[in-house]
Amino acid sequence: MHSQAKTVEILTTMLEIYDQKQIAGLLNPHTGNDWCRETINRILKGKSDKCLTVEEADILLGKLPKRPKHYNNPKFRFIDLFAGIGGIRKGFDEIGGKCVFTSEWNKYAVRTYKANHYSDPNEHIFNEDIREVTLSEDKTISERKAYNHINKAIPDHDVLLAGFPCQPFSLAGVSKKNSLGRAHGFEDETQGTLFFDVCRIIKAKKPSIFVLENVKNLKSHDKGNTFRVITEALDDIGYDVADIEFEGSGAKDPKIIDGKQFLPQHRERIILVGFRRDLAIKKDFSLKKIKTPEYRPTFADLLDKLDNEQKDKYTLTPKLWDYLYRYAKKHKAKGNGFGFGLVDPNNENAVARTLSARYHKDGSEILIDQGWDMEQGEKDFFDMLNQANRPRRLTPKECARLMGFDKPGQSNFVIPVSDTQAYRQFGNSVVVPVFSAVAELLKSRIHKAAKLKKESTETA
């Protein structure tokens, strides 16, 4: 039997991921159904002396992510900003990295992140609002004080990862600040955006390499001004961005990678890989050299065989299907492309549209065809036999596979949140194998940079 203090410690750790009902559900199949939400709350409030047995503690602790073997001697250290559920991180863990700092503001995403990614309790720091680290909200604080605070708050690292939000930059007041002798460059042009916070951290911590991710439209956002400010800011703080010389747009740009090369989902993202100029490790690096798999899973490979209860849950209601069907017809008549995306799982070449954070609302961008007869639907939409074949949404577990958090046939990725939150999280995430491929492409350079850093520290 564990002590009261140890029991509270374990339950508190578990509550960072699961709620009381879920914890009781983990214990009861093994321990005689004597756990419930109220019991756990009473223990935490000191109103019950019930303690976890060794077996019960092992059951709970066994649900936490395991410490990777290489964490005892990692090849390099990295941080994960705007981390979401850790889609970018996974590939850098796989090449021998150790995550020492994570920033993510969404409390539900943090639950999923902690359920799936090990964090060293002695070295790893979780942060909710990155602006509390960069002090960017307080305009009275000097740059020197802000950089000192960043240096203390964020551990040293070799690689910085960030999927930062796309925001417009305001140029208002720039000339006035310059005339007053105030700071210019990135400190001036990017102020008020979360990219500003990323830049401050890069400038303060000087990682050897960074990997930034954003939507493809970043290049054209605000008539190209946003991308121009970003690239100039990164140049300003001493970094060379790979493939920056490419002037065009679309699929020919090596920085824009479509997830459909790895999984059957059209999902284009821009990836900016930056190298610290003084280390001279960029050389001929290009995302053109990224390795794509010889075999891409089919859509059918990602799907589960649902039981009747699951089918009822995820199949569209007659009312919703009627609405989406008529909405699509109306826009098609107007010459617009708006409408649902129906995926035939029997088509080995089927590629879904982009899974979005609004998927929980109606699932319209990716609907799984369950045998709906389009011709019959035009004749008699409410035909009973055809209505039995209404399309369905993906389940959260299938979304995990479509985004690459799980391989086909696997369900190892833990989803401790509601379906609504899970859909939002997957819709906001990245295609995991894309960033595993980026990490693999960077592997030798990251290891070289980490080695150079270690050697310079030893000789200092």
Protein backbone atom coordinates (compact mmCIF):
# COMPACT_ATOMS: atom_id res chain seq x y z
CA MET A 1 0.00 0.00 0.00
CA HIS A 2 1.31 3.44 -0.91
CA SER A 3 1.29 6.34 1.53
CA GLN A 4 -1.33 9.06 1.43
CA ALA A 5 1.21 11.55 0.05
CA LYS A 6 2.32 9.16 -2.72
CA THR A 7 -1.31 8.40 -3.60
CA VAL A 8 -2.08 12.11 -3.96
CA GLU A 9 1.09 12.60 -6.03
CA ILE A 10 0.18 9.79 -8.46
CA LEU A 11 -3.45 10.89 -8.79
CA THR A 12 -2.38 14.50 -9.37
CA THR A 13 -0.02 13.38 -12.16
CA MET A 14 -2.77 11.30 -13.78
CA LEU A 15 -5.20 14.22 -13.62
CA GLU A 16 -2.91 16.18 -15.93
CA ILE A 17 -4.11 13.75 -18.62
CA TYR A 18 -7.29 11.99 -17.49
CA ASP A 19 -10.33 13.15 -15.53
CA GLN A 20 -11.51 11.43 -12.33
CA LYS A 21 -14.06 9.27 -14.16
CA GLN A 22 -11.43 8.03 -16.60
CA ILE A 23 -9.00 7.22 -13.75
CA ALA A 24 -11.70 5.23 -11.97
CA GLY A 25 -12.42 3.46 -15.26
CA LEU A 26 -8.76 2.45 -15.56
CA LEU A 27 -8.72 0.98 -12.04
CA ASN A 28 -12.13 -0.68 -11.64
CA PRO A 29 -11.74 -3.61 -14.07
CA HIS A 30 -8.78 -4.76 -11.96
CA THR A 31 -9.77 -3.71 -8.45
CA GLY A 32 -13.39 -4.62 -7.75
CA ASN A 33 -15.17 -1.45 -8.88
CA ASP A 34 -14.51 0.49 -5.68
CA TRP A 35 -13.23 3.65 -7.37
CA CYS A 36 -15.34 6.61 -8.53
CA ARG A 37 -15.06 10.33 -9.18
CA GLU A 38 -16.19 11.21 -5.64
CA THR A 39 -13.65 8.89 -4.01
CA ILE A 40 -10.77 10.47 -5.94
CA ASN A 41 -11.97 13.99 -5.10
CA ARG A 42 -12.21 13.13 -1.40
CA ILE A 43 -8.65 11.76 -1.41
CA LEU A 44 -7.32 14.90 -3.09
CA LYS A 45 -9.16 17.12 -0.59
CA GLY A 46 -7.78 15.16 2.36
CA LYS A 47 -11.24 13.87 3.33
CA SER A 48 -10.43 10.19 2.75
CA ASP A 49 -7.51 8.08 3.90
CA LYS A 50 -7.94 5.58 1.06
CA CYS A 51 -4.60 4.86 -0.61
CA LEU A 52 -3.55 3.21 -3.83
CA THR A 53 -2.26 -0.32 -3.58
CA VAL A 54 1.01 -1.13 -5.32
CA GLU A 55 -0.99 -2.93 -8.03
CA GLU A 56 -3.33 0.06 -8.53
CA ALA A 57 -0.41 2.48 -8.72
CA ASP A 58 1.31 0.26 -11.29
CA ILE A 59 -1.88 0.20 -13.41
CA LEU A 60 -2.04 4.00 -13.46
CA LEU A 61 1.67 4.64 -13.94
CA GLY A 62 1.66 2.05 -16.73
CA LYS A 63 -0.61 4.38 -18.70
CA LEU A 64 2.00 7.14 -18.77
CA PRO A 65 4.47 7.42 -21.68
CA LYS A 66 7.62 5.36 -21.21
CA ARG A 67 11.01 7.02 -20.96
CA PRO A 68 12.86 6.53 -24.27
CA LYS A 69 16.13 4.63 -23.84
CA HIS A 70 18.17 7.30 -25.58
CA TYR A 71 17.07 9.97 -23.05
CA ASN A 72 19.89 8.86 -20.77
CA ASN A 73 22.38 9.97 -23.44
CA PRO A 74 20.56 12.07 -26.07
CA LYS A 75 22.28 13.10 -29.30
CA PHE A 76 20.81 16.61 -29.03
CA ARG A 77 18.20 18.68 -27.19
CA PHE A 78 15.23 20.48 -28.69
CA ILE A 79 12.23 22.59 -27.73
CA ASP A 80 8.67 22.38 -29.03
CA LEU A 81 6.74 25.68 -29.39
CA PHE A 82 3.03 25.94 -30.29
CA ALA A 83 3.32 22.21 -29.88
CA GLY A 84 -0.30 21.11 -30.28
CA ILE A 85 -0.29 17.35 -29.73
CA GLY A 86 3.35 16.85 -30.66
CA GLY A 87 3.17 16.06 -34.36
CA ILE A 88 6.43 17.82 -35.21
CA ARG A 89 8.21 16.54 -32.11
CA LYS A 90 7.79 12.83 -32.87
CA GLY A 91 10.34 12.70 -35.68
CA PHE A 92 12.99 14.50 -33.65
CA ASP A 93 12.57 12.08 -30.76
CA GLU A 94 13.07 9.28 -33.28
CA ILE A 95 16.51 10.55 -34.39
CA GLY A 96 17.88 10.68 -30.84
CA GLY A 97 16.67 14.06 -29.59
CA LYS A 98 15.43 14.95 -26.12
CA CYS A 99 12.66 17.51 -25.67
CA VAL A 100 13.45 19.89 -22.79
CA PHE A 101 10.74 22.55 -23.19
CA THR A 102 7.19 22.55 -24.52
CA SER A 103 4.82 25.49 -24.97
CA GLU A 104 1.13 24.97 -25.74
CA TRP A 105 -1.79 27.11 -24.58
CA ASN A 106 -4.72 24.74 -25.21
CA LYS A 107 -5.37 22.70 -22.07
CA TYR A 108 -6.99 19.83 -23.98
CA ALA A 109 -4.08 19.58 -26.41
CA VAL A 110 -1.72 19.49 -23.43
CA ARG A 111 -3.63 16.47 -22.06
CA THR A 112 -3.16 14.58 -25.32
CA TYR A 113 0.47 15.69 -25.55
CA LYS A 114 1.26 14.46 -22.03
CA ALA A 115 -0.57 11.19 -22.69
CA ASN A 116 1.73 10.37 -25.61
CA HIS A 117 5.11 12.07 -25.14
CA TYR A 118 7.51 11.43 -22.29
CA SER A 119 8.74 14.48 -20.43
CA ASP A 120 11.71 14.16 -18.08
CA PRO A 121 10.44 15.50 -14.71
CA ASN A 122 13.95 16.71 -13.85
CA GLU A 123 14.71 18.53 -17.10
CA HIS A 124 11.54 19.22 -19.07
CA ILE A 125 9.53 22.41 -18.61
CA PHE A 126 5.91 22.95 -19.68
CA ASN A 127 4.76 26.46 -20.54
CA GLU A 128 1.22 27.58 -21.37
CA ASP A 129 1.71 31.11 -22.74
CA ILE A 130 5.00 31.78 -24.52
CA ARG A 131 4.53 35.52 -24.00
CA GLU A 132 5.12 34.98 -20.28
CA VAL A 133 8.60 33.77 -21.24
CA THR A 134 9.43 36.43 -23.83
CA LEU A 135 7.73 39.22 -21.82
CA SER A 136 6.42 40.56 -25.12
CA GLU A 137 3.16 41.77 -23.57
CA ASP A 138 4.94 44.27 -21.33
CA LYS A 139 6.11 47.16 -23.49
CA THR A 140 7.93 48.80 -20.56
CA ILE A 141 10.49 45.98 -20.30
CA SER A 142 13.82 46.53 -22.04
CA GLU A 143 15.13 44.11 -24.66
CA ARG A 144 18.07 43.20 -22.43
CA LYS A 145 15.77 42.24 -19.56
CA ALA A 146 13.53 40.25 -21.91
CA TYR A 147 16.48 38.28 -23.31
CA ASN A 148 17.86 37.59 -19.84
CA HIS A 149 14.45 36.26 -18.82
CA ILE A 150 14.27 33.99 -21.88
CA ASN A 151 17.74 32.61 -21.16
CA LYS A 152 16.73 31.68 -17.62
CA ALA A 153 13.28 30.33 -18.49
CA ILE A 154 14.18 28.11 -21.47
CA PRO A 155 16.85 25.39 -21.25
CA ASP A 156 19.71 25.41 -23.77
CA HIS A 157 18.91 23.43 -26.90
CA ASP A 158 20.25 22.59 -30.34
CA VAL A 159 17.00 22.61 -32.32
CA LEU A 160 13.88 24.78 -32.08
CA LEU A 161 10.56 23.51 -33.46
CA ALA A 162 7.55 25.79 -33.88
CA GLY A 163 4.22 25.60 -35.68
CA PHE A 164 3.47 29.28 -35.16
CA PRO A 165 0.15 30.95 -36.12
CA CYS A 166 -0.12 33.01 -39.29
CA GLN A 167 -0.71 36.67 -38.38
CA PRO A 168 -0.41 39.91 -40.36
CA PHE A 169 2.34 42.37 -39.51
CA SER A 170 1.54 46.01 -39.05
CA LEU A 171 4.06 48.50 -40.43
CA ALA A 172 2.36 51.44 -38.76
CA GLY A 173 4.70 53.58 -36.73
CA VAL A 174 7.93 52.08 -38.07
CA SER A 175 9.29 55.35 -39.48
CA LYS A 176 8.40 57.19 -36.29
CA LYS A 177 10.24 54.64 -34.14
CA ASN A 178 13.27 54.84 -36.42
CA SER A 179 13.32 58.62 -36.13
CA LEU A 180 13.27 58.27 -32.34
CA GLY A 181 16.27 55.93 -32.45
CA ARG A 182 14.24 52.95 -31.26
CA ALA A 183 15.00 49.35 -32.22
CA HIS A 184 14.29 48.34 -35.79
CA GLY A 185 14.53 45.08 -37.73
CA PHE A 186 12.53 42.14 -36.42
CA GLU A 187 11.99 43.73 -32.97
CA ASP A 188 10.12 46.50 -34.72
CA GLU A 189 8.36 44.89 -37.68
CA THR A 190 7.08 41.73 -35.99
CA GLN A 191 5.90 43.24 -32.72
CA GLY A 192 2.45 42.12 -31.59
CA THR A 193 2.60 38.73 -33.33
CA LEU A 194 3.55 35.33 -31.97
CA PHE A 195 6.27 35.09 -34.61
CA PHE A 196 7.90 37.95 -32.68
CA ASP A 197 8.10 35.64 -29.66
CA VAL A 198 9.67 32.89 -31.78
CA CYS A 199 12.28 35.35 -33.05
CA ARG A 200 13.09 36.57 -29.55
CA ILE A 201 13.67 33.00 -28.40
CA ILE A 202 15.86 32.18 -31.42
CA LYS A 203 17.92 35.33 -30.88
CA ALA A 204 18.30 34.70 -27.14
CA LYS A 205 19.02 30.95 -27.20
CA LYS A 206 20.81 30.71 -30.58
CA PRO A 207 19.81 27.14 -31.52
CA SER A 208 21.90 25.59 -34.28
CA ILE A 209 18.82 24.79 -36.37
CA PHE A 210 15.15 25.69 -36.34
CA VAL A 211 12.15 24.12 -38.09
CA LEU A 212 9.12 26.36 -38.50
CA GLU A 213 5.80 25.15 -39.91
CA ASN A 214 2.83 27.07 -41.25
CA VAL A 215 -0.01 26.90 -43.75
CA LYS A 216 0.93 27.05 -47.43
CA ASN A 217 -0.78 30.42 -47.80
CA LEU A 218 1.83 32.04 -45.58
CA LYS A 219 3.71 32.97 -48.76
CA SER A 220 0.79 34.90 -50.21
CA HIS A 221 -0.68 36.14 -46.93
CA ASP A 222 -1.18 39.93 -46.82
CA LYS A 223 0.00 40.19 -50.47
CA GLY A 224 3.35 38.60 -49.60
CA ASN A 225 4.19 41.10 -46.87
CA THR A 226 3.93 38.54 -44.05
CA PHE A 227 6.42 36.16 -45.66
CA ARG A 228 8.79 38.99 -46.55
CA VAL A 229 8.87 40.23 -42.95
CA ILE A 230 9.43 36.69 -41.65
CA THR A 231 12.35 35.92 -43.97
CA GLU A 232 13.96 39.31 -43.36
CA ALA A 233 13.59 38.85 -39.61
CA LEU A 234 15.26 35.43 -39.70
CA ASP A 235 18.09 36.83 -41.82
CA ASP A 236 18.38 39.74 -39.38
CA ILE A 237 19.06 37.41 -36.44
CA GLY A 238 21.76 35.45 -38.28
CA TYR A 239 20.04 32.46 -39.88
CA ASP A 240 20.03 31.09 -43.41
CA VAL A 241 16.74 29.50 -44.48
CA ALA A 242 16.88 26.52 -46.83
CA ASP A 243 15.45 26.95 -50.35
CA ILE A 244 14.72 30.63 -49.68
CA GLU A 245 15.98 31.54 -53.15
CA PHE A 246 12.96 29.85 -54.76
CA GLU A 247 10.76 32.62 -56.16
CA GLY A 248 7.74 30.73 -57.47
CA SER A 249 4.79 29.24 -55.69
CA GLY A 250 2.85 26.02 -55.46
CA ALA A 251 4.09 22.45 -55.62
CA LYS A 252 7.42 23.35 -57.24
CA ASP A 253 8.55 25.18 -54.09
CA PRO A 254 10.68 22.70 -52.06
CA LYS A 255 9.50 24.43 -48.86
CA ILE A 256 5.88 23.44 -49.55
CA ILE A 257 5.30 19.76 -48.88
CA ASP A 258 2.02 17.96 -49.46
CA GLY A 259 1.16 15.25 -46.95
CA LYS A 260 -0.41 13.17 -49.74
CA GLN A 261 3.10 11.96 -50.60
CA PHE A 262 3.04 10.07 -47.29
CA LEU A 263 -0.64 9.43 -46.48
CA PRO A 264 -3.88 9.69 -48.51
CA GLN A 265 -4.71 13.26 -47.49
CA HIS A 266 -4.09 16.48 -49.41
CA ARG A 267 -2.41 18.71 -46.81
CA GLU A 268 0.11 21.30 -47.96
CA ARG A 269 2.33 23.02 -45.43
CA ILE A 270 5.28 25.37 -45.73
CA ILE A 271 8.39 24.36 -43.79
CA LEU A 272 11.17 26.81 -43.04
CA VAL A 273 14.43 25.15 -41.99
CA GLY A 274 16.98 27.63 -40.71
CA PHE A 275 20.69 27.19 -39.94
CA ARG A 276 22.82 29.42 -37.74
CA ARG A 277 25.04 31.24 -40.21
CA ASP A 278 28.21 31.24 -38.11
CA LEU A 279 28.22 27.43 -37.82
CA ALA A 280 28.40 26.92 -41.60
CA ILE A 281 26.33 23.71 -41.51
CA LYS A 282 23.72 24.56 -44.15
CA LYS A 283 25.88 23.97 -47.24
CA ASP A 284 23.79 22.19 -49.89
CA PHE A 285 20.81 21.34 -47.68
CA SER A 286 17.49 21.37 -49.55
CA LEU A 287 14.04 20.00 -48.83
CA LYS A 288 14.10 18.77 -52.44
CA LYS A 289 16.05 15.81 -51.07
CA ILE A 290 13.33 14.73 -48.65
CA LYS A 291 12.63 11.00 -48.93
CA THR A 292 9.05 9.92 -49.56
CA PRO A 293 7.86 6.35 -48.95
CA GLU A 294 7.78 3.83 -51.78
CA TYR A 295 4.35 2.68 -50.64
CA ARG A 296 1.60 4.98 -49.43
CA PRO A 297 -1.19 3.36 -47.38
CA THR A 298 -4.57 3.29 -49.06
CA PHE A 299 -7.53 4.97 -47.40
CA ALA A 300 -9.00 1.57 -46.60
CA ASP A 301 -5.80 0.69 -44.70
CA LEU A 302 -6.59 3.46 -42.20
CA LEU A 303 -10.19 2.49 -41.45
CA ASP A 304 -11.64 0.31 -38.72
CA LYS A 305 -14.47 -2.18 -39.12
CA LEU A 306 -17.10 -0.51 -36.96
CA ASP A 307 -19.70 -2.34 -34.89
CA ASN A 308 -23.36 -1.29 -35.08
CA GLU A 309 -23.09 1.10 -32.13
CA GLN A 310 -20.07 2.84 -33.67
CA LYS A 311 -21.78 3.01 -37.07
CA ASP A 312 -24.79 4.70 -35.50
CA LYS A 313 -22.54 7.20 -33.75
CA TYR A 314 -20.43 8.24 -36.74
CA THR A 315 -22.91 7.91 -39.63
CA LEU A 316 -24.49 11.23 -40.58
CA THR A 317 -28.09 11.73 -39.51
CA PRO A 318 -30.65 11.92 -42.34
CA LYS A 319 -31.13 15.62 -41.55
CA LEU A 320 -27.42 16.49 -41.70
CA TRP A 321 -26.83 14.44 -44.85
CA ASP A 322 -29.83 16.12 -46.50
CA TYR A 323 -28.44 19.56 -45.58
CA LEU A 324 -24.92 18.81 -46.91
CA TYR A 325 -26.31 17.20 -50.06
CA ARG A 326 -28.53 20.19 -50.90
CA TYR A 327 -25.82 22.70 -49.94
CA ALA A 328 -23.38 21.06 -52.35
CA LYS A 329 -25.98 20.98 -55.16
CA LYS A 330 -26.79 24.66 -54.66
CA HIS A 331 -23.16 25.72 -54.89
CA LYS A 332 -22.45 23.41 -57.80
CA ALA A 333 -25.29 25.08 -59.71
CA LYS A 334 -23.62 28.44 -59.06
CA GLY A 335 -20.30 27.14 -60.32
CA ASN A 336 -18.70 27.04 -56.86
CA GLY A 337 -16.63 24.19 -55.50
CA PHE A 338 -18.12 24.22 -52.02
CA GLY A 339 -19.53 20.94 -50.79
CA PHE A 340 -18.75 17.69 -49.07
CA GLY A 341 -15.79 15.46 -49.86
CA LEU A 342 -16.90 11.84 -50.29
CA VAL A 343 -14.09 9.28 -50.15
CA ASP A 344 -14.52 5.83 -51.66
CA PRO A 345 -12.45 3.48 -49.48
CA ASN A 346 -12.45 0.89 -52.27
CA ASN A 347 -10.50 3.26 -54.50
CA GLU A 348 -6.81 2.54 -53.87
CA ASN A 349 -5.84 5.95 -55.27
CA ALA A 350 -8.34 7.94 -53.19
CA VAL A 351 -6.92 11.05 -51.52
CA ALA A 352 -8.99 12.94 -48.98
CA ARG A 353 -9.30 16.68 -48.64
CA THR A 354 -7.53 18.45 -45.78
CA LEU A 355 -8.81 17.47 -42.33
CA SER A 356 -9.71 20.74 -40.58
CA ALA A 357 -10.25 21.83 -37.00
CA ARG A 358 -13.96 22.24 -37.76
CA TYR A 359 -14.35 18.54 -38.62
CA HIS A 360 -16.37 17.99 -35.43
CA LYS A 361 -19.16 20.21 -36.77
CA ASP A 362 -20.32 18.09 -39.70
CA GLY A 363 -17.32 16.11 -41.03
CA SER A 364 -18.11 17.41 -44.50
CA GLU A 365 -14.56 17.64 -45.85
CA ILE A 366 -13.90 13.91 -45.40
CA LEU A 367 -16.94 11.62 -45.51
CA ILE A 368 -16.55 7.87 -45.89
CA ASP A 369 -18.78 6.40 -48.57
CA GLN A 370 -20.79 3.46 -47.19
CA GLY A 371 -22.45 2.57 -50.48
CA TRP A 372 -24.59 5.64 -51.18
CA ASP A 373 -26.16 5.43 -54.64
CA MET A 374 -25.82 8.91 -56.16
CA GLU A 375 -28.19 8.15 -59.02
CA GLN A 376 -30.90 6.91 -56.67
CA GLY A 377 -30.24 9.90 -54.41
CA GLU A 378 -31.12 12.21 -57.30
CA LYS A 379 -34.34 10.32 -58.00
CA ASP A 380 -35.49 9.85 -54.40
CA PHE A 381 -33.15 11.18 -51.72
CA PHE A 382 -35.14 9.60 -48.88
CA ASP A 383 -35.32 6.11 -50.39
CA MET A 384 -35.09 3.84 -47.32
CA LEU A 385 -32.60 1.36 -48.76
CA ASN A 386 -30.27 4.13 -49.92
CA GLN A 387 -30.63 6.02 -46.64
CA ALA A 388 -29.17 2.98 -44.87
CA ASN A 389 -25.94 3.73 -46.79
CA ARG A 390 -25.50 7.35 -45.66
CA PRO A 391 -21.81 8.33 -45.37
CA ARG A 392 -20.01 8.57 -42.06
CA ARG A 393 -17.34 10.64 -40.39
CA LEU A 394 -13.91 9.32 -39.56
CA THR A 395 -13.51 8.19 -35.96
CA PRO A 396 -10.83 9.94 -33.88
CA LYS A 397 -8.67 6.80 -34.06
CA GLU A 398 -8.92 6.85 -37.86
CA CYS A 399 -7.95 10.53 -37.81
CA ALA A 400 -4.88 9.57 -35.79
CA ARG A 401 -3.86 7.21 -38.61
CA LEU A 402 -4.69 9.72 -41.35
CA MET A 403 -2.36 12.23 -39.66
CA GLY A 404 0.34 9.60 -39.08
CA PHE A 405 0.25 9.42 -35.29
CA ASP A 406 -0.55 5.72 -35.68
CA LYS A 407 0.39 3.31 -38.44
CA PRO A 408 -2.34 1.38 -40.33
CA GLY A 409 -3.93 -1.21 -38.07
CA GLN A 410 -2.54 0.40 -34.90
CA SER A 411 -4.31 2.28 -32.12
CA ASN A 412 -1.36 3.12 -29.86
CA PHE A 413 -1.92 6.89 -29.83
CA VAL A 414 -3.80 7.77 -26.66
CA ILE A 415 -6.85 10.05 -27.03
CA PRO A 416 -7.88 11.13 -23.51
CA VAL A 417 -10.23 13.91 -24.66
CA SER A 418 -13.73 14.06 -26.16
CA ASP A 419 -14.33 13.43 -29.87
CA THR A 420 -14.92 17.15 -30.39
CA GLN A 421 -11.56 18.08 -28.88
CA ALA A 422 -9.80 15.20 -30.67
CA TYR A 423 -11.11 16.34 -34.07
CA ARG A 424 -9.93 19.89 -33.35
CA GLN A 425 -6.50 18.62 -32.33
CA PHE A 426 -5.97 16.41 -35.37
CA GLY A 427 -7.34 19.14 -37.64
CA ASN A 428 -4.79 21.59 -36.25
CA SER A 429 -1.90 19.16 -36.42
CA VAL A 430 0.68 18.16 -39.02
CA VAL A 431 1.17 14.98 -41.01
CA VAL A 432 3.65 13.26 -38.71
CA PRO A 433 5.71 11.30 -41.29
CA VAL A 434 6.40 14.54 -43.20
CA PHE A 435 8.30 15.87 -40.20
CA SER A 436 9.89 12.50 -39.50
CA ALA A 437 11.31 12.75 -43.04
CA VAL A 438 12.47 16.33 -42.38
CA ALA A 439 14.13 15.19 -39.14
CA GLU A 440 15.85 12.31 -40.93
CA LEU A 441 17.12 14.70 -43.62
CA LEU A 442 18.50 16.99 -40.90
CA LYS A 443 19.90 14.21 -38.73
CA SER A 444 23.57 14.38 -39.72
CA ARG A 445 23.64 18.19 -39.53
CA ILE A 446 21.92 18.24 -36.12
CA HIS A 447 24.36 15.69 -34.73
CA LYS A 448 27.29 17.63 -36.20
CA ALA A 449 26.05 20.90 -34.69
CA ALA A 450 25.55 19.26 -31.28
CA LYS A 451 29.07 17.82 -31.46
CA LEU A 452 30.55 21.23 -32.36
CA LYS A 453 28.69 22.80 -29.45
CA LYS A 454 29.97 20.16 -27.04
CA GLU A 455 33.55 20.58 -28.25
CA SER A 456 33.42 24.38 -27.94
CA THR A 457 31.99 24.07 -24.41
CA GLU A 458 34.73 21.66 -23.37
CA THR A 459 37.50 23.92 -24.70
CA ALA A 460 36.01 27.11 -23.26
